[in-house]
């Protein structure tokens, strides 16, 4: 499985400040930085993110983690940190999601973490993390059993999930390429920014699907699949 991880510049700077302040001593990683790592480690579609909360129509039941780091090498302006930690997060269906399409889910992920982070002044130049533990995911939608729509019209193909097993995750992250970086505030202030264009495209796609269904046709694939590297900073 490949997914995209983005660590905002301000979080990288917070980590660098904490590392400089600790010197050769062990220190706790900034909370928001840790949350960014933990929130990427789960199975299933985006709508079952145990830390997603109301953003995915759910609720976050628990979010506990402890990550510590210690400097293991120094060279010029570069520092390598050894990181260890544990995380235990869980979430489930919220009222908002239940009212939209009737889905129900509950999700818990318990992990032990270890890895290394390379820092150059106030930027991360490389991040490698490994986590292993247990994951429990239950997801289903009874309303879909009564529909005549094809399974592929729904994620995950209309089938319930009941999973309880050991899991392992890894994160390998490097700086973004120049063409993947932009000034967020400047881009957001320009008319016709990327988010607006994406919304217009989605509206056109949805309108096309409605027309196909009215004509009794199956929706056709739209667009192209894009492959990303495992993670980016």
C-alpha atoms as a PDB file:
ATOM      1  CA  UNK A   1       0.000   0.000   0.000  1.00  0.00           C
ATOM      2  CA  UNK A   2       1.266   3.461  -0.842  1.00  0.00           C
ATOM      3  CA  UNK A   3      -0.035   6.627   0.786  1.00  0.00           C
ATOM      4  CA  UNK A   4       1.091  10.236   0.945  1.00  0.00           C
ATOM      5  CA  UNK A   5       2.441  11.788   4.131  1.00  0.00           C
ATOM      6  CA  UNK A   6       2.885  15.544   4.389  1.00  0.00           C
ATOM      7  CA  UNK A   7       4.774  17.174   7.274  1.00  0.00           C
ATOM      8  CA  UNK A   8       4.165  20.961   7.221  1.00  0.00           C
ATOM      9  CA  UNK A   9       7.185  23.253   7.510  1.00  0.00           C
ATOM     10  CA  UNK A  10       6.025  24.636  10.859  1.00  0.00           C
ATOM     11  CA  UNK A  11       6.022  21.124  12.363  1.00  0.00           C
ATOM     12  CA  UNK A  12       9.525  20.491  11.048  1.00  0.00           C
ATOM     13  CA  UNK A  13      10.641  23.731  12.674  1.00  0.00           C
ATOM     14  CA  UNK A  14       9.015  22.757  15.979  1.00  0.00           C
ATOM     15  CA  UNK A  15      10.911  19.464  15.917  1.00  0.00           C
ATOM     16  CA  UNK A  16      14.206  21.251  15.192  1.00  0.00           C
ATOM     17  CA  UNK A  17      13.668  23.676  18.087  1.00  0.00           C
ATOM     18  CA  UNK A  18      12.888  20.806  20.484  1.00  0.00           C
ATOM     19  CA  UNK A  19      15.978  18.896  19.339  1.00  0.00           C
ATOM     20  CA  UNK A  20      18.287  21.898  19.817  1.00  0.00           C
ATOM     21  CA  UNK A  21      16.832  22.601  23.244  1.00  0.00           C
ATOM     22  CA  UNK A  22      17.358  19.013  24.419  1.00  0.00           C
ATOM     23  CA  UNK A  23      20.987  18.762  23.289  1.00  0.00           C
ATOM     24  CA  UNK A  24      22.242  15.250  23.999  1.00  0.00           C
ATOM     25  CA  UNK A  25      19.286  14.428  26.291  1.00  0.00           C
ATOM     26  CA  UNK A  26      16.137  12.512  25.400  1.00  0.00           C
ATOM     27  CA  UNK A  27      13.079  14.668  24.631  1.00  0.00           C
ATOM     28  CA  UNK A  28       9.428  14.210  23.715  1.00  0.00           C
ATOM     29  CA  UNK A  29       8.422  14.869  20.117  1.00  0.00           C
ATOM     30  CA  UNK A  30       6.010  17.796  19.584  1.00  0.00           C
ATOM     31  CA  UNK A  31       2.426  16.577  19.864  1.00  0.00           C
ATOM     32  CA  UNK A  32       1.233  17.705  16.434  1.00  0.00           C
ATOM     33  CA  UNK A  33       4.279  16.195  14.759  1.00  0.00           C
ATOM     34  CA  UNK A  34       3.562  12.858  16.434  1.00  0.00           C
ATOM     35  CA  UNK A  35      -0.100  13.053  15.469  1.00  0.00           C
ATOM     36  CA  UNK A  36       0.906  13.465  11.821  1.00  0.00           C
ATOM     37  CA  UNK A  37       2.832  10.190  11.939  1.00  0.00           C
ATOM     38  CA  UNK A  38       0.197   8.241  13.875  1.00  0.00           C
ATOM     39  CA  UNK A  39      -2.728   9.448  11.759  1.00  0.00           C
ATOM     40  CA  UNK A  40      -1.238   7.835   8.645  1.00  0.00           C
ATOM     41  CA  UNK A  41      -1.008   4.312  10.119  1.00  0.00           C
ATOM     42  CA  UNK A  42      -4.336   2.532   9.637  1.00  0.00           C
ATOM     43  CA  UNK A  43      -6.027   0.207   7.138  1.00  0.00           C
ATOM     44  CA  UNK A  44      -9.221   0.858   5.225  1.00  0.00           C
ATOM     45  CA  UNK A  45     -10.660   3.770   3.267  1.00  0.00           C
ATOM     46  CA  UNK A  46     -10.249   7.397   4.373  1.00  0.00           C
ATOM     47  CA  UNK A  47     -13.655   7.321   6.055  1.00  0.00           C
ATOM     48  CA  UNK A  48     -12.467   4.970   8.827  1.00  0.00           C
ATOM     49  CA  UNK A  49      -9.514   7.040  10.037  1.00  0.00           C
ATOM     50  CA  UNK A  50      -9.714   6.596  13.841  1.00  0.00           C
ATOM     51  CA  UNK A  51      -8.318  10.131  14.274  1.00  0.00           C
ATOM     52  CA  UNK A  52     -10.517  11.641  11.557  1.00  0.00           C
ATOM     53  CA  UNK A  53     -13.319  12.691  13.880  1.00  0.00           C
ATOM     54  CA  UNK A  54     -16.056  14.854  12.365  1.00  0.00           C
ATOM     55  CA  UNK A  55     -13.987  15.349   9.201  1.00  0.00           C
ATOM     56  CA  UNK A  56     -14.901  11.775   8.184  1.00  0.00           C
ATOM     57  CA  UNK A  57     -18.352  11.701   9.783  1.00  0.00           C
ATOM     58  CA  UNK A  58     -17.008   9.867  12.808  1.00  0.00           C
ATOM     59  CA  UNK A  59     -15.808  10.392  16.353  1.00  0.00           C
ATOM     60  CA  UNK A  60     -12.440   9.932  18.026  1.00  0.00           C
ATOM     61  CA  UNK A  61     -12.820   7.788  21.145  1.00  0.00           C
ATOM     62  CA  UNK A  62      -9.198   7.787  22.318  1.00  0.00           C
ATOM     63  CA  UNK A  63      -5.889   9.231  21.172  1.00  0.00           C
ATOM     64  CA  UNK A  64      -2.876   8.385  23.312  1.00  0.00           C
ATOM     65  CA  UNK A  65       0.764   8.374  22.243  1.00  0.00           C
ATOM     66  CA  UNK A  66       4.232   8.901  23.666  1.00  0.00           C
ATOM     67  CA  UNK A  67       7.171   9.454  21.310  1.00  0.00           C
ATOM     68  CA  UNK A  68      10.687  10.205  22.526  1.00  0.00           C
ATOM     69  CA  UNK A  69      13.781  11.075  20.530  1.00  0.00           C
ATOM     70  CA  UNK A  70      17.490  11.297  21.276  1.00  0.00           C
ATOM     71  CA  UNK A  71      20.376  12.617  19.241  1.00  0.00           C
ATOM     72  CA  UNK A  72      22.655   9.820  18.015  1.00  0.00           C
ATOM     73  CA  UNK A  73      24.973  11.721  15.652  1.00  0.00           C
ATOM     74  CA  UNK A  74      25.951  15.281  14.724  1.00  0.00           C
ATOM     75  CA  UNK A  75      27.799  16.472  11.611  1.00  0.00           C
ATOM     76  CA  UNK A  76      28.059  20.176  10.724  1.00  0.00           C
ATOM     77  CA  UNK A  77      24.421  21.357  10.642  1.00  0.00           C
ATOM     78  CA  UNK A  78      22.965  17.862  10.417  1.00  0.00           C
ATOM     79  CA  UNK A  79      21.550  15.851  13.312  1.00  0.00           C
ATOM     80  CA  UNK A  80      20.212  12.288  13.377  1.00  0.00           C
ATOM     81  CA  UNK A  81      17.543  11.450  15.942  1.00  0.00           C
ATOM     82  CA  UNK A  82      16.602   7.966  17.126  1.00  0.00           C
ATOM     83  CA  UNK A  83      12.846   7.816  17.813  1.00  0.00           C
ATOM     84  CA  UNK A  84      10.837   5.300  19.850  1.00  0.00           C
ATOM     85  CA  UNK A  85       7.210   5.442  20.865  1.00  0.00           C
ATOM     86  CA  UNK A  86       3.812   3.864  21.348  1.00  0.00           C
ATOM     87  CA  UNK A  87       0.362   4.845  20.106  1.00  0.00           C
ATOM     88  CA  UNK A  88      -3.165   3.680  20.880  1.00  0.00           C
ATOM     89  CA  UNK A  89      -5.972   5.344  18.917  1.00  0.00           C
ATOM     90  CA  UNK A  90      -9.592   4.426  18.339  1.00  0.00           C
ATOM     91  CA  UNK A  91     -12.667   5.902  16.697  1.00  0.00           C
ATOM     92  CA  UNK A  92     -16.067   5.003  15.367  1.00  0.00           C
ATOM     93  CA  UNK A  93     -19.156   6.166  13.567  1.00  0.00           C
ATOM     94  CA  UNK A  94     -20.499   9.592  14.500  1.00  0.00           C
ATOM     95  CA  UNK A  95     -24.007  10.946  14.164  1.00  0.00           C
ATOM     96  CA  UNK A  96     -23.108  12.933  11.026  1.00  0.00           C
ATOM     97  CA  UNK A  97     -21.954   9.871   9.104  1.00  0.00           C
ATOM     98  CA  UNK A  98     -24.904   7.745  10.205  1.00  0.00           C
ATOM     99  CA  UNK A  99     -27.348  10.293   8.818  1.00  0.00           C
ATOM    100  CA  UNK A 100     -25.614  10.474   5.446  1.00  0.00           C
ATOM    101  CA  UNK A 101     -25.572   6.879   4.204  1.00  0.00           C
ATOM    102  CA  UNK A 102     -26.149   4.561   7.162  1.00  0.00           C
ATOM    103  CA  UNK A 103     -22.643   3.197   7.526  1.00  0.00           C
ATOM    104  CA  UNK A 104     -21.363   1.939  10.898  1.00  0.00           C
ATOM    105  CA  UNK A 105     -17.763   1.311  11.896  1.00  0.00           C
ATOM    106  CA  UNK A 106     -15.344   1.059  14.803  1.00  0.00           C
ATOM    107  CA  UNK A 107     -11.581   1.082  14.567  1.00  0.00           C
ATOM    108  CA  UNK A 108      -8.667   0.685  17.003  1.00  0.00           C
ATOM    109  CA  UNK A 109      -4.937   0.652  16.230  1.00  0.00           C
ATOM    110  CA  UNK A 110      -2.245  -0.091  18.849  1.00  0.00           C
ATOM    111  CA  UNK A 111       1.377   0.235  17.706  1.00  0.00           C
ATOM    112  CA  UNK A 112       4.976   0.323  18.887  1.00  0.00           C
ATOM    113  CA  UNK A 113       7.227   2.629  16.869  1.00  0.00           C
ATOM    114  CA  UNK A 114      10.933   2.991  16.130  1.00  0.00           C
ATOM    115  CA  UNK A 115      12.864   4.961  13.552  1.00  0.00           C
ATOM    116  CA  UNK A 116      15.289   7.733  12.618  1.00  0.00           C
ATOM    117  CA  UNK A 117      14.936  11.359  11.561  1.00  0.00           C
ATOM    118  CA  UNK A 118      17.686  13.385   9.848  1.00  0.00           C
ATOM    119  CA  UNK A 119      17.544  17.149  10.423  1.00  0.00           C
ATOM    120  CA  UNK A 120      19.495  19.860   8.644  1.00  0.00           C
ATOM    121  CA  UNK A 121      19.089  23.134  10.573  1.00  0.00           C
ATOM    122  CA  UNK A 122      15.256  23.388  10.675  1.00  0.00           C
ATOM    123  CA  UNK A 123      14.265  20.955   7.917  1.00  0.00           C
ATOM    124  CA  UNK A 124      13.847  17.186   7.808  1.00  0.00           C
ATOM    125  CA  UNK A 125      15.995  15.645   5.085  1.00  0.00           C
ATOM    126  CA  UNK A 126      14.937  12.045   5.706  1.00  0.00           C
ATOM    127  CA  UNK A 127      12.472  10.200   7.917  1.00  0.00           C
ATOM    128  CA  UNK A 128      12.300   6.415   8.339  1.00  0.00           C
ATOM    129  CA  UNK A 129       9.813   4.879  10.784  1.00  0.00           C
ATOM    130  CA  UNK A 130       8.583   1.345  11.434  1.00  0.00           C
ATOM    131  CA  UNK A 131       5.596   0.359  13.561  1.00  0.00           C
ATOM    132  CA  UNK A 132       4.035  -2.970  14.510  1.00  0.00           C
ATOM    133  CA  UNK A 133       1.101  -3.964  16.661  1.00  0.00           C
ATOM    134  CA  UNK A 134      -2.580  -4.907  16.452  1.00  0.00           C
ATOM    135  CA  UNK A 135      -5.520  -3.467  14.561  1.00  0.00           C
ATOM    136  CA  UNK A 136      -9.255  -4.061  14.893  1.00  0.00           C
ATOM    137  CA  UNK A 137     -11.641  -2.741  12.209  1.00  0.00           C
ATOM    138  CA  UNK A 138     -15.354  -3.445  11.811  1.00  0.00           C
ATOM    139  CA  UNK A 139     -17.256  -1.692   9.024  1.00  0.00           C
ATOM    140  CA  UNK A 140     -20.627  -2.299   7.396  1.00  0.00           C
ATOM    141  CA  UNK A 141     -23.761  -0.787   5.953  1.00  0.00           C
ATOM    142  CA  UNK A 142     -26.975  -2.795   6.242  1.00  0.00           C
ATOM    143  CA  UNK A 143     -28.786  -0.454   3.830  1.00  0.00           C
ATOM    144  CA  UNK A 144     -26.613  -1.630   0.942  1.00  0.00           C
ATOM    145  CA  UNK A 145     -28.004  -5.163   1.230  1.00  0.00           C
ATOM    146  CA  UNK A 146     -31.343  -3.909  -0.048  1.00  0.00           C
ATOM    147  CA  UNK A 147     -30.051  -1.879  -3.001  1.00  0.00           C
ATOM    148  CA  UNK A 148     -29.977  -3.005  -6.616  1.00  0.00           C
ATOM    149  CA  UNK A 149     -26.875  -0.955  -7.380  1.00  0.00           C
ATOM    150  CA  UNK A 150     -23.716  -2.863  -8.316  1.00  0.00           C
ATOM    151  CA  UNK A 151     -21.156  -3.518  -5.563  1.00  0.00           C
ATOM    152  CA  UNK A 152     -18.536  -1.403  -7.324  1.00  0.00           C
ATOM    153  CA  UNK A 153     -20.744   1.671  -6.847  1.00  0.00           C
ATOM    154  CA  UNK A 154     -19.711   1.690  -3.191  1.00  0.00           C
ATOM    155  CA  UNK A 155     -16.519   1.444  -1.159  1.00  0.00           C
ATOM    156  CA  UNK A 156     -15.272  -1.126  -0.355  1.00  0.00           C
ATOM    157  CA  UNK A 157     -17.271  -2.828  -3.093  1.00  0.00           C
ATOM    158  CA  UNK A 158     -20.286  -3.080  -0.819  1.00  0.00           C
ATOM    159  CA  UNK A 159     -18.775  -5.754   1.418  1.00  0.00           C
ATOM    160  CA  UNK A 160     -18.521  -5.547   5.221  1.00  0.00           C
ATOM    161  CA  UNK A 161     -15.132  -5.648   6.964  1.00  0.00           C
ATOM    162  CA  UNK A 162     -14.407  -7.591  10.157  1.00  0.00           C
ATOM    163  CA  UNK A 163     -10.669  -7.576  10.745  1.00  0.00           C
ATOM    164  CA  UNK A 164      -8.642  -8.268  13.886  1.00  0.00           C
ATOM    165  CA  UNK A 165      -4.978  -9.029  13.274  1.00  0.00           C
ATOM    166  CA  UNK A 166      -1.356  -8.032  13.640  1.00  0.00           C
ATOM    167  CA  UNK A 167      -0.143  -5.207  11.396  1.00  0.00           C
ATOM    168  CA  UNK A 168       3.105  -3.542  10.398  1.00  0.00           C
ATOM    169  CA  UNK A 169       3.591  -0.094   8.912  1.00  0.00           C
ATOM    170  CA  UNK A 170       6.599   1.742   7.551  1.00  0.00           C
ATOM    171  CA  UNK A 171       7.141   5.371   6.601  1.00  0.00           C
ATOM    172  CA  UNK A 172       9.971   6.507   4.343  1.00  0.00           C
ATOM    173  CA  UNK A 173       9.839  10.226   3.629  1.00  0.00           C
ATOM    174  CA  UNK A 174      12.027  12.657   1.717  1.00  0.00           C
ATOM    175  CA  UNK A 175      11.750  16.351   0.780  1.00  0.00           C
ATOM    176  CA  UNK A 176       9.264  17.241  -1.960  1.00  0.00           C
ATOM    177  CA  UNK A 177      10.406  18.015  -5.472  1.00  0.00           C
ATOM    178  CA  UNK A 178      10.321  21.684  -6.464  1.00  0.00           C
ATOM    179  CA  UNK A 179       7.298  21.196  -8.731  1.00  0.00           C
ATOM    180  CA  UNK A 180       5.295  19.774  -5.801  1.00  0.00           C
ATOM    181  CA  UNK A 181       5.758  22.852  -3.604  1.00  0.00           C
ATOM    182  CA  UNK A 182       3.840  26.124  -3.687  1.00  0.00           C
ATOM    183  CA  UNK A 183       3.123  29.074  -1.456  1.00  0.00           C
ATOM    184  CA  UNK A 184      -0.162  28.023   0.118  1.00  0.00           C
ATOM    185  CA  UNK A 185      -1.358  31.522   1.035  1.00  0.00           C
ATOM    186  CA  UNK A 186      -0.532  32.909  -2.404  1.00  0.00           C
ATOM    187  CA  UNK A 187      -2.245  29.988  -4.160  1.00  0.00           C
ATOM    188  CA  UNK A 188      -5.337  30.257  -1.974  1.00  0.00           C
ATOM    189  CA  UNK A 189      -5.684  33.979  -2.709  1.00  0.00           C
ATOM    190  CA  UNK A 190      -5.643  33.512  -6.489  1.00  0.00           C
ATOM    191  CA  UNK A 191      -9.019  33.135  -8.233  1.00  0.00           C
ATOM    192  CA  UNK A 192      -9.550  29.687  -9.697  1.00  0.00           C
ATOM    193  CA  UNK A 193      -7.126  28.005  -7.297  1.00  0.00           C
ATOM    194  CA  UNK A 194      -6.572  24.260  -7.301  1.00  0.00           C
ATOM    195  CA  UNK A 195      -9.305  23.472  -4.762  1.00  0.00           C
ATOM    196  CA  UNK A 196     -11.923  25.335  -6.780  1.00  0.00           C
ATOM    197  CA  UNK A 197     -10.851  23.607  -9.995  1.00  0.00           C
ATOM    198  CA  UNK A 198     -11.034  20.228  -8.263  1.00  0.00           C
ATOM    199  CA  UNK A 199     -14.544  20.964  -6.983  1.00  0.00           C
ATOM    200  CA  UNK A 200     -15.695  21.933 -10.481  1.00  0.00           C
ATOM    201  CA  UNK A 201     -14.241  18.720 -11.928  1.00  0.00           C
ATOM    202  CA  UNK A 202     -15.994  16.642  -9.262  1.00  0.00           C
ATOM    203  CA  UNK A 203     -19.283  18.394  -9.995  1.00  0.00           C
ATOM    204  CA  UNK A 204     -18.943  17.544 -13.688  1.00  0.00           C
ATOM    205  CA  UNK A 205     -18.135  13.910 -12.873  1.00  0.00           C
ATOM    206  CA  UNK A 206     -21.115  13.620 -10.524  1.00  0.00           C
ATOM    207  CA  UNK A 207     -23.416  15.183 -13.120  1.00  0.00           C
ATOM    208  CA  UNK A 208     -22.202  12.654 -15.695  1.00  0.00           C
ATOM    209  CA  UNK A 209     -22.829   9.730 -13.336  1.00  0.00           C
ATOM    210  CA  UNK A 210     -26.381  10.953 -12.693  1.00  0.00           C
ATOM    211  CA  UNK A 211     -27.042  11.127 -16.452  1.00  0.00           C
ATOM    212  CA  UNK A 212     -25.689   7.583 -16.970  1.00  0.00           C
ATOM    213  CA  UNK A 213     -27.896   6.221 -14.206  1.00  0.00           C
ATOM    214  CA  UNK A 214     -30.976   7.992 -15.568  1.00  0.00           C
ATOM    215  CA  UNK A 215     -30.286   6.336 -18.905  1.00  0.00           C
ATOM    216  CA  UNK A 216     -29.853   2.936 -17.232  1.00  0.00           C
ATOM    217  CA  UNK A 217     -26.145   2.762 -17.976  1.00  0.00           C
ATOM    218  CA  UNK A 218     -23.252   1.840 -15.691  1.00  0.00           C
ATOM    219  CA  UNK A 219     -20.845   4.692 -14.874  1.00  0.00           C
ATOM    220  CA  UNK A 220     -17.621   4.539 -16.884  1.00  0.00           C
ATOM    221  CA  UNK A 221     -14.129   5.082 -15.459  1.00  0.00           C
ATOM    222  CA  UNK A 222     -13.215   8.757 -15.375  1.00  0.00           C
ATOM    223  CA  UNK A 223      -9.704  10.190 -15.332  1.00  0.00           C
ATOM    224  CA  UNK A 224      -6.464   8.319 -14.808  1.00  0.00           C
ATOM    225  CA  UNK A 225      -4.713   6.626 -11.920  1.00  0.00           C
ATOM    226  CA  UNK A 226      -1.759   8.548 -10.540  1.00  0.00           C
ATOM    227  CA  UNK A 227       1.008   6.801  -8.643  1.00  0.00           C
ATOM    228  CA  UNK A 228       2.819   8.636  -5.859  1.00  0.00           C
ATOM    229  CA  UNK A 229       5.968   7.835  -4.004  1.00  0.00           C
ATOM    230  CA  UNK A 230       5.403   6.331  -0.592  1.00  0.00           C
ATOM    231  CA  UNK A 231       5.612   9.581   1.351  1.00  0.00           C
ATOM    232  CA  UNK A 232       6.751  13.141   1.135  1.00  0.00           C
ATOM    233  CA  UNK A 233       7.767  15.830   3.607  1.00  0.00           C
END
